[in-house]
Protein backbone atom coordinates (compact mmCIF):
# COMPACT_ATOMS: atom_id res chain seq x y z
CA MET A 1 36.42 29.34 -6.83
CA LYS A 2 33.62 27.42 -4.97
CA LYS A 3 34.88 24.24 -7.01
CA ASP A 4 38.50 24.81 -6.49
CA ILE A 5 38.16 25.22 -2.63
CA ALA A 6 35.68 22.38 -2.46
CA GLU A 7 38.28 19.92 -4.41
CA ALA A 8 41.36 21.48 -2.65
CA LYS A 9 43.26 18.98 -0.24
CA CYS A 10 44.18 21.80 2.27
CA ASN A 11 42.44 21.47 5.33
CA ASN A 12 42.80 25.19 6.30
CA CYS A 13 40.90 26.14 3.01
CA GLN A 14 38.30 24.00 3.68
CA GLN A 15 37.71 25.54 7.34
CA VAL A 16 38.21 29.06 6.44
CA LYS A 17 35.74 29.01 3.41
CA TYR A 18 32.17 28.00 5.20
CA GLU A 19 29.23 28.86 3.56
CA HIS A 20 27.19 30.98 6.13
CA GLN A 21 24.10 31.24 4.18
CA SER A 22 21.53 28.84 2.40
CA PRO A 23 21.63 29.30 -1.29
CA ALA A 24 19.32 32.25 -2.51
CA GLY A 25 16.18 31.45 -4.48
CA LEU A 26 14.98 32.72 -7.94
CA LEU A 27 14.89 36.68 -7.97
CA GLN A 28 11.59 38.09 -8.18
CA ARG A 29 10.56 41.38 -9.95
CA MET A 30 9.35 44.15 -7.86
CA PRO A 31 6.02 45.55 -9.09
CA ILE A 32 6.26 48.90 -10.72
CA SER A 33 3.53 51.57 -9.89
CA GLU A 34 1.84 52.73 -13.19
CA TRP A 35 0.11 55.98 -11.69
CA LYS A 36 1.90 58.79 -9.59
CA TRP A 37 1.05 58.71 -5.75
CA GLU A 38 -0.11 55.10 -6.08
CA LYS A 39 2.48 54.17 -3.71
CA ILE A 40 3.90 56.29 -1.16
CA ALA A 41 6.14 56.16 1.67
CA MET A 42 5.84 58.73 4.92
CA ASP A 43 7.97 59.35 7.71
CA PHE A 44 8.28 62.20 10.41
CA VAL A 45 11.36 64.55 11.44
CA VAL A 46 10.73 65.04 15.13
CA CYS A 47 12.30 67.13 17.75
CA LEU A 48 13.29 70.17 15.98
CA PRO A 49 13.34 73.49 17.32
CA LYS A 50 9.88 75.29 17.50
CA THR A 51 8.99 77.89 15.08
CA LEU A 52 6.90 80.96 15.70
CA GLY A 53 3.73 79.11 14.66
CA LYS A 54 4.58 76.42 17.25
CA PHE A 55 5.41 73.77 14.77
CA ASP A 56 8.40 71.30 15.70
CA SER A 57 7.98 68.24 13.43
CA ILE A 58 7.87 67.73 9.64
CA TRP A 59 5.69 65.04 7.98
CA VAL A 60 7.76 63.78 4.75
CA VAL A 61 5.55 62.07 2.12
CA VAL A 62 7.44 60.60 -0.71
CA ASP A 63 6.12 59.16 -3.98
CA ARG A 64 8.11 55.99 -4.96
CA LEU A 65 7.69 56.16 -8.48
CA THR A 66 8.81 59.96 -9.31
CA LYS A 67 10.39 60.43 -5.85
CA SER A 68 8.41 63.50 -5.65
CA THR A 69 8.08 64.61 -1.91
CA HIS A 70 5.94 66.79 0.43
CA PHE A 71 7.15 68.42 3.30
CA ILE A 72 4.17 69.16 5.87
CA LEU A 73 4.84 71.28 9.17
CA VAL A 74 2.96 69.69 12.11
CA ARG A 75 2.74 70.04 15.58
């Protein structure tokens, strides 16, 4: 399609089909963890209603390999 548009004599086609990004480079593989809990992601869920134990937030820890999670109550 790019070749057809580049060779087209139509002025409208040349103006509308403009490249907005430079060509991407070669794709690189992401490293894969070998062990569970080697690479983790953490986040907080905040501004929740307080519980009887005065907890109002949750600390979320996720293992990126197995997608296992821990939800830890925090104040």
